[in-house]
Amino acid sequence: MKRIQKSIIIKDLEKKIVLLVGPRQVGKTWLAKDIAREFSKSVYLNFDQISDREIIERQAWLPTTELLILDELHKMSGWKNYIKGVYDTKPESMRILITGSACLDIYDQLGDSLAGRYFRHRLLPLSLSELRQINEPIDVEKLIERSGFPEPYMAQDSVEANRWRLQYVNSLLSTDVFEFDPVYNIKAMQLVFNLLRNRVGTPISYLSLAEDVAVSPTTVKKYIQILEALYVIFRVTPYAKNIARSLLKEPKIYFFDTGLVQGDDGAKLENMVAVSLLKHVYARTDYKAEACALHYIRTKDGIEVDFALSCNEAIEQIIEVKLSDDALSKPLAYFHEKYAYPAVQLVKLLRNEHTRNGINILKADNFLSQLYM
């Protein structure tokens, strides 16, 4: 299946290194090899492979290589300084594409920042918007049930998709977390992971989780940071003009794989919307250089709206998500009237789209399919 970012990546490769990051099994390697087909002389090397690792360490590829793809390079000690040297001494005709299943800027913090030498591309699961742009059928039910990860989404049936997910989770918790950071209490880590699956869309208290798991809040926070760095989950923080204050408040946690959510249908829908909005925000940041972010809004009295899209720290739009009730959300109306925030209510099952009190009530799939990416 074609990925919408392919042409953008090829264009960026002409100018700088491209760092392609995102969740495990989201399609990074497939996309990298698809891009390689556009070049007559390309080399793909994976640092996890011993034979490839030797070539990487000796820089033993041919100087006539047009595209050099280095997969999982962040696992190499001092990888940033290594790639800086490769980039600064490469032939002018060589392009460099680096892929990884973790936030590459987390690794090797003391290494060279590569400032000015790379473009970052974050590849996320398929969304309704991407499916529309690549002329694939739009199926919101399928996206919620299976997620936008290519393999389960394109599986022949739900059983095949669920088999993929079991292997995916097992690999994450038995291998990936240890490669990132040694976790000595794996049972506690697994328990935190499972508790988060049941608390999607609700503000997370590290203290409450710590009491449930019988570990310290600091340990819980560390586990969540690891899962976030590995693109398993992402945090949505409450909006505040003072960003430091926002980060101190309780975040909401969502999964990149909507199929992992164990809540009700409303939680699964909200998670799918969250992934779609985050993908839209990342695309605007990476490709339009717009300082956008995804938040939620909550007052001290508990009045809450699901999502707030912001740019340059100013709210562009507030969004409430509902399964079937098209009655106007009171919290949404409150923030719209009090602060004049543009507002939209997304409803999965809606007969007719309409506007009420200046707020657009729209079909969720229609709105999401029209996002930037």
Protein backbone atom coordinates (compact mmCIF):
# COMPACT_ATOMS: atom_id res chain seq x y z
CA MET A 1 0.00 0.00 0.00
CA LYS A 2 1.34 3.41 -0.96
CA ARG A 3 2.19 5.83 1.86
CA ILE A 4 1.43 9.51 1.36
CA GLN A 5 4.79 10.71 2.72
CA LYS A 6 6.87 8.97 0.06
CA SER A 7 7.15 11.91 -2.34
CA ILE A 8 7.93 14.36 0.49
CA ILE A 9 10.73 12.15 1.78
CA ILE A 10 12.28 11.75 -1.67
CA LYS A 11 12.28 15.54 -2.06
CA ASP A 12 13.89 16.06 1.36
CA LEU A 13 16.58 13.45 0.64
CA GLU A 14 17.98 15.79 -2.00
CA LYS A 15 18.78 18.35 0.69
CA LYS A 16 19.56 16.63 3.99
CA ILE A 17 19.56 13.40 5.98
CA VAL A 18 16.04 12.09 6.55
CA LEU A 19 15.22 10.57 9.94
CA LEU A 20 12.13 8.36 9.54
CA VAL A 21 10.75 7.39 12.94
CA GLY A 22 7.55 5.89 14.28
CA PRO A 23 6.00 2.88 16.00
CA ARG A 24 7.29 -0.62 15.47
CA GLN A 25 5.70 -2.33 12.42
CA VAL A 26 4.07 0.87 11.19
CA GLY A 27 5.69 0.44 7.77
CA LYS A 28 9.01 2.30 8.01
CA THR A 29 11.14 -0.46 6.49
CA TRP A 30 8.58 -1.11 3.76
CA LEU A 31 8.46 2.60 2.91
CA ALA A 32 12.26 2.89 2.97
CA LYS A 33 12.60 -0.02 0.53
CA ASP A 34 9.81 1.38 -1.63
CA ILE A 35 11.75 4.66 -1.82
CA ALA A 36 14.89 2.68 -2.68
CA ARG A 37 13.19 1.49 -5.88
CA GLU A 38 13.39 5.06 -7.13
CA PHE A 39 17.21 4.84 -7.14
CA SER A 40 19.36 2.65 -9.37
CA LYS A 41 22.01 2.07 -6.68
CA SER A 42 20.67 1.75 -3.14
CA VAL A 43 21.92 -0.05 -0.02
CA TYR A 44 19.78 -1.17 2.94
CA LEU A 45 21.61 -2.01 6.18
CA ASN A 46 20.03 -3.00 9.49
CA PHE A 47 22.11 -2.53 12.63
CA ASP A 48 20.34 -5.52 14.23
CA GLN A 49 21.94 -7.80 11.63
CA ILE A 50 25.52 -8.80 12.51
CA SER A 51 26.72 -8.84 8.89
CA ASP A 52 25.14 -5.44 8.23
CA ARG A 53 26.58 -4.05 11.47
CA GLU A 54 30.11 -4.81 10.29
CA ILE A 55 29.49 -2.96 7.03
CA ILE A 56 28.06 -0.01 8.94
CA GLU A 57 30.99 0.17 11.33
CA ARG A 58 33.53 -0.02 8.49
CA GLN A 59 31.46 2.25 6.21
CA ALA A 60 32.04 -0.43 3.58
CA TRP A 61 29.34 0.53 1.06
CA LEU A 62 30.40 1.54 -2.46
CA PRO A 63 31.06 5.26 -3.03
CA THR A 64 28.69 5.08 -6.02
CA THR A 65 25.73 4.36 -3.69
CA GLU A 66 22.91 6.78 -4.46
CA LEU A 67 20.72 6.00 -1.44
CA LEU A 68 22.05 4.67 1.86
CA ILE A 69 19.37 3.33 4.23
CA LEU A 70 20.43 2.67 7.82
CA ASP A 71 17.80 0.92 9.94
CA GLU A 72 17.81 0.91 13.78
CA LEU A 73 21.05 2.90 13.80
CA HIS A 74 20.15 4.53 17.12
CA LYS A 75 21.21 1.28 18.82
CA MET A 76 24.79 2.05 17.85
CA SER A 77 26.82 3.79 20.55
CA GLY A 78 27.54 7.37 19.51
CA TRP A 79 25.36 7.07 16.43
CA LYS A 80 24.83 10.81 16.06
CA ASN A 81 28.53 11.58 15.83
CA TYR A 82 28.91 8.59 13.51
CA ILE A 83 26.27 9.77 11.07
CA LYS A 84 27.57 13.34 11.26
CA GLY A 85 30.92 12.05 10.04
CA VAL A 86 29.30 9.98 7.29
CA TYR A 87 27.20 12.90 6.11
CA ASP A 88 30.02 15.43 6.16
CA THR A 89 32.34 13.20 4.10
CA LYS A 90 29.87 11.48 1.75
CA PRO A 91 29.94 11.89 -2.04
CA GLU A 92 27.65 14.71 -3.15
CA SER A 93 25.41 12.25 -5.03
CA MET A 94 24.66 10.08 -1.97
CA ARG A 95 21.40 10.47 -0.01
CA ILE A 96 20.98 9.12 3.52
CA LEU A 97 17.77 7.73 5.05
CA ILE A 98 17.79 6.60 8.69
CA THR A 99 14.87 4.71 10.23
CA GLY A 100 14.06 3.67 13.77
CA SER A 101 11.26 2.49 16.06
CA ALA A 102 12.02 4.97 18.82
CA CYS A 103 12.28 8.71 19.34
CA LEU A 104 15.79 9.08 17.96
CA ASP A 105 16.44 12.34 19.79
CA ILE A 106 16.08 10.44 23.10
CA TYR A 107 19.17 8.36 22.37
CA ASP A 108 22.72 9.53 22.93
CA GLN A 109 21.79 12.86 24.47
CA LEU A 110 25.45 13.79 24.83
CA GLY A 111 26.19 13.23 21.16
CA ASP A 112 26.15 15.76 18.39
CA SER A 113 22.67 17.16 17.79
CA LEU A 114 22.94 16.91 13.99
CA ALA A 115 21.46 20.40 13.93
CA GLY A 116 20.96 21.65 10.40
CA ARG A 117 21.75 18.29 8.83
CA TYR A 118 18.43 16.45 8.86
CA PHE A 119 14.69 16.53 8.30
CA ARG A 120 12.49 14.48 10.64
CA HIS A 121 9.55 12.48 9.29
CA ARG A 122 7.20 10.76 11.73
CA LEU A 123 5.37 7.83 10.14
CA LEU A 124 2.18 6.99 12.02
CA PRO A 125 -0.56 4.40 11.40
CA LEU A 126 -2.94 4.85 8.49
CA SER A 127 -5.63 7.46 9.07
CA LEU A 128 -8.90 8.25 7.31
CA SER A 129 -7.19 11.25 5.74
CA GLU A 130 -4.29 9.21 4.37
CA LEU A 131 -6.65 6.50 3.10
CA ARG A 132 -8.61 9.17 1.23
CA GLN A 133 -5.47 10.70 -0.29
CA ILE A 134 -4.15 7.35 -1.56
CA ASN A 135 -7.60 6.44 -2.92
CA GLU A 136 -8.26 3.57 -0.52
CA PRO A 137 -11.77 2.85 0.86
CA ILE A 138 -12.59 4.74 4.05
CA ASP A 139 -13.81 2.36 6.77
CA VAL A 140 -13.98 3.94 10.22
CA GLU A 141 -15.21 0.72 11.87
CA LYS A 142 -12.25 -1.21 10.52
CA LEU A 143 -9.82 1.51 11.60
CA ILE A 144 -11.20 1.46 15.15
CA GLU A 145 -11.26 -2.33 15.44
CA ARG A 146 -7.90 -3.13 13.84
CA SER A 147 -6.03 0.20 14.04
CA GLY A 148 -4.17 1.85 11.19
CA PHE A 149 -1.09 -0.37 11.42
CA PRO A 150 -0.81 -1.75 7.87
CA GLU A 151 -0.65 -5.49 8.66
CA PRO A 152 -3.73 -5.82 10.88
CA TYR A 153 -5.63 -3.23 8.83
CA MET A 154 -5.11 -5.21 5.63
CA ALA A 155 -5.51 -8.63 7.28
CA GLN A 156 -8.02 -11.03 5.78
CA ASP A 157 -10.09 -11.14 8.96
CA SER A 158 -10.16 -10.06 12.61
CA VAL A 159 -8.57 -13.31 13.81
CA GLU A 160 -5.48 -12.66 11.69
CA ALA A 161 -5.37 -9.09 12.95
CA ASN A 162 -5.60 -10.25 16.57
CA ARG A 163 -2.80 -12.77 16.05
CA TRP A 164 -0.60 -9.92 14.82
CA ARG A 165 -1.47 -7.87 17.92
CA LEU A 166 -0.57 -10.65 20.35
CA GLN A 167 2.87 -10.98 18.77
CA TYR A 168 3.24 -7.20 18.65
CA VAL A 169 2.55 -6.75 22.38
CA ASN A 170 4.76 -9.70 23.32
CA SER A 171 7.66 -8.27 21.33
CA LEU A 172 7.20 -4.82 22.85
CA LEU A 173 7.15 -6.00 26.45
CA SER A 174 9.71 -8.79 26.18
CA THR A 175 12.31 -7.20 23.88
CA ASP A 176 11.88 -3.55 22.95
CA VAL A 177 11.60 -2.09 26.45
CA PHE A 178 14.78 -3.89 27.52
CA GLU A 179 16.71 -2.63 24.50
CA PHE A 180 15.68 0.90 25.38
CA ASP A 181 16.19 0.78 29.15
CA PRO A 182 16.64 -2.18 31.54
CA VAL A 183 13.38 -2.81 33.39
CA TYR A 184 13.99 -5.00 36.39
CA ASN A 185 10.35 -5.46 37.43
CA ILE A 186 8.80 -6.69 34.21
CA LYS A 187 5.55 -7.69 35.95
CA ALA A 188 5.08 -4.13 37.20
CA MET A 189 5.79 -2.81 33.72
CA GLN A 190 3.21 -5.18 32.22
CA LEU A 191 0.66 -4.18 34.85
CA VAL A 192 1.14 -0.47 34.13
CA PHE A 193 0.74 -1.23 30.42
CA ASN A 194 -2.53 -3.12 31.01
CA LEU A 195 -3.91 -0.49 33.39
CA LEU A 196 -3.28 2.20 30.78
CA ARG A 197 -5.25 0.16 28.24
CA ASN A 198 -8.28 0.51 30.51
CA ARG A 199 -7.82 4.23 31.26
CA VAL A 200 -7.67 5.71 27.78
CA GLY A 201 -9.13 9.19 27.61
CA THR A 202 -9.07 9.88 31.36
CA PRO A 203 -6.50 12.06 33.17
CA ILE A 204 -3.76 9.83 34.53
CA SER A 205 -2.53 10.11 38.10
CA TYR A 206 0.97 8.69 38.56
CA LEU A 207 0.25 8.34 42.28
CA SER A 208 -2.93 6.37 41.68
CA LEU A 209 -1.20 4.05 39.22
CA ALA A 210 1.69 3.60 41.64
CA GLU A 211 -0.69 2.52 44.40
CA ASP A 212 -2.36 0.02 42.07
CA VAL A 213 0.97 -1.47 40.99
CA ALA A 214 2.74 -1.17 44.36
CA VAL A 215 5.71 0.78 43.01
CA SER A 216 6.77 4.40 43.37
CA PRO A 217 5.23 7.21 41.27
CA THR A 218 8.73 7.84 39.89
CA THR A 219 8.87 4.26 38.62
CA VAL A 220 5.44 4.55 37.01
CA LYS A 221 6.50 7.78 35.31
CA LYS A 222 9.65 6.07 34.02
CA TYR A 223 7.61 3.18 32.55
CA ILE A 224 5.27 5.61 30.83
CA GLN A 225 8.23 7.55 29.43
CA ILE A 226 9.69 4.34 28.01
CA LEU A 227 6.39 3.39 26.34
CA GLU A 228 6.13 6.91 24.97
CA ALA A 229 9.71 6.91 23.63
CA LEU A 230 8.98 3.60 21.87
CA TYR A 231 5.87 5.07 20.18
CA VAL A 232 3.53 2.71 22.03
CA ILE A 233 1.56 5.49 23.74
CA PHE A 234 1.43 9.27 23.62
CA ARG A 235 0.44 11.87 26.19
CA VAL A 236 -2.08 14.65 25.63
CA THR A 237 -1.56 17.40 28.19
CA PRO A 238 -4.09 20.03 29.31
CA TYR A 239 -3.85 23.33 27.47
CA ALA A 240 -2.33 26.26 29.26
CA LYS A 241 -0.67 29.38 27.95
CA ASN A 242 2.14 28.61 30.37
CA ILE A 243 3.49 25.39 28.83
CA ALA A 244 5.47 24.48 31.96
CA ARG A 245 2.27 24.55 33.99
CA SER A 246 0.55 22.38 31.40
CA LEU A 247 3.19 19.68 31.67
CA LEU A 248 2.75 19.51 35.44
CA LYS A 249 -0.95 18.66 35.19
CA GLU A 250 -2.36 15.18 34.67
CA PRO A 251 -2.03 13.99 31.07
CA LYS A 252 -4.37 11.72 29.17
CA ILE A 253 -2.84 8.62 27.60
CA TYR A 254 -3.67 7.19 24.18
CA PHE A 255 -2.27 4.26 22.18
CA PHE A 256 -0.92 4.47 18.64
CA ASP A 257 -2.59 1.07 18.17
CA THR A 258 -6.29 1.69 18.76
CA GLY A 259 -6.80 -2.08 18.87
CA LEU A 260 -5.04 -2.14 22.25
CA VAL A 261 -7.75 -0.07 23.94
CA GLN A 262 -9.82 -2.15 26.36
CA GLY A 263 -12.42 0.47 27.22
CA ASP A 264 -15.90 0.86 25.78
CA ASP A 265 -16.76 1.92 22.23
CA GLY A 266 -16.55 5.56 23.23
CA ALA A 267 -12.96 5.16 24.47
CA LYS A 268 -11.97 3.34 21.29
CA LEU A 269 -13.49 6.06 19.13
CA GLU A 270 -11.76 8.79 21.15
CA ASN A 271 -8.42 6.98 20.82
CA MET A 272 -8.81 6.71 17.04
CA VAL A 273 -9.61 10.43 16.85
CA ALA A 274 -6.59 11.21 19.06
CA VAL A 275 -4.22 9.31 16.75
CA SER A 276 -5.70 11.07 13.71
CA LEU A 277 -5.36 14.51 15.28
CA LEU A 278 -1.80 13.80 16.43
CA LYS A 279 -0.86 12.69 12.92
CA HIS A 280 -2.32 15.95 11.59
CA VAL A 281 -0.32 17.94 14.17
CA TYR A 282 2.92 16.09 13.41
CA ALA A 283 2.48 16.64 9.68
CA ARG A 284 1.90 20.36 10.10
CA THR A 285 4.97 20.55 12.34
CA ASP A 286 7.28 18.42 10.17
CA TYR A 287 6.19 19.67 6.74
CA LYS A 288 4.83 23.16 7.28
CA ALA A 289 7.08 24.22 10.17
CA GLU A 290 4.01 25.21 12.19
CA ALA A 291 4.34 25.07 15.97
CA CYS A 292 1.22 22.97 16.53
CA ALA A 293 0.25 20.76 19.46
CA LEU A 294 -2.59 18.55 20.66
CA HIS A 295 -4.08 19.21 24.10
CA TYR A 296 -7.31 18.84 26.03
CA ILE A 297 -9.05 21.45 28.18
CA ARG A 298 -10.12 21.01 31.77
CA THR A 299 -11.04 23.53 34.45
CA LYS A 300 -10.46 23.13 38.18
CA ASP A 301 -14.18 22.39 38.44
CA GLY A 302 -13.83 19.43 36.07
CA ILE A 303 -15.40 20.99 32.96
CA GLU A 304 -13.58 19.18 30.16
CA VAL A 305 -13.41 19.09 26.36
CA ASP A 306 -11.73 16.10 24.71
CA PHE A 307 -9.24 17.89 22.45
CA ALA A 308 -7.81 21.30 21.63
CA LEU A 309 -5.69 21.93 18.56
CA SER A 310 -3.24 24.77 19.14
CA CYS A 311 -0.68 26.58 17.03
CA ASN A 312 1.86 29.05 18.40
CA GLU A 313 0.31 28.32 21.82
CA ALA A 314 -3.07 29.72 20.73
CA ILE A 315 -6.11 27.46 20.37
CA GLU A 316 -7.31 26.99 16.80
CA GLN A 317 -10.16 24.61 17.51
CA ILE A 318 -11.70 22.63 20.36
CA ILE A 319 -13.17 19.21 19.63
CA GLU A 320 -15.61 16.96 21.47
CA VAL A 321 -16.13 13.33 20.42
CA LYS A 322 -19.39 11.38 20.76
CA LEU A 323 -20.62 8.01 19.59
CA SER A 324 -24.19 8.82 18.64
CA ASP A 325 -25.68 11.63 20.72
CA ASP A 326 -25.86 14.79 18.61
CA ALA A 327 -27.11 16.89 21.53
CA LEU A 328 -24.71 19.79 21.96
CA SER A 329 -21.98 19.10 24.53
CA LYS A 330 -22.35 21.50 27.47
CA PRO A 331 -18.59 21.73 28.16
CA LEU A 332 -17.96 22.43 24.47
CA ALA A 333 -20.61 25.16 24.48
CA TYR A 334 -19.16 26.61 27.70
CA PHE A 335 -15.64 27.08 26.30
CA HIS A 336 -16.97 28.26 22.94
CA GLU A 337 -19.12 30.94 24.55
CA LYS A 338 -16.66 32.01 27.25
CA TYR A 339 -13.48 32.16 25.14
CA ALA A 340 -14.84 32.28 21.56
CA TYR A 341 -12.85 29.18 20.62
CA PRO A 342 -13.89 27.71 17.25
CA ALA A 343 -15.61 24.45 18.18
CA VAL A 344 -16.68 21.24 16.50
CA GLN A 345 -18.52 18.21 17.83
CA LEU A 346 -17.67 14.94 16.10
CA VAL A 347 -20.32 12.21 16.12
CA LYS A 348 -19.68 8.74 14.78
CA LEU A 349 -23.34 7.95 14.09
CA LEU A 350 -24.99 11.14 12.84
CA ARG A 351 -27.87 11.45 10.41
CA ASN A 352 -27.37 15.04 9.29
CA GLU A 353 -24.55 17.49 9.86
CA HIS A 354 -25.65 20.88 11.17
CA THR A 355 -24.62 23.94 13.18
CA ARG A 356 -25.97 24.79 16.61
CA ASN A 357 -25.11 27.94 18.57
CA GLY A 358 -22.17 28.54 16.27
CA ILE A 359 -20.77 25.03 16.80
CA ASN A 360 -20.48 22.59 13.90
CA ILE A 361 -21.85 19.11 14.61
CA LEU A 362 -20.20 16.85 12.05
CA LYS A 363 -19.83 13.22 11.12
CA ALA A 364 -16.55 12.05 12.61
CA ASP A 365 -15.36 10.26 9.46
CA ASN A 366 -16.06 13.30 7.26
CA PHE A 367 -14.06 15.63 9.51
CA LEU A 368 -11.15 13.26 10.03
CA SER A 369 -10.84 12.36 6.36
CA GLN A 370 -10.30 16.04 5.52
CA LEU A 371 -7.37 16.60 7.89
CA TYR A 372 -4.00 17.56 6.41
CA MET A 373 -2.59 14.04 6.78
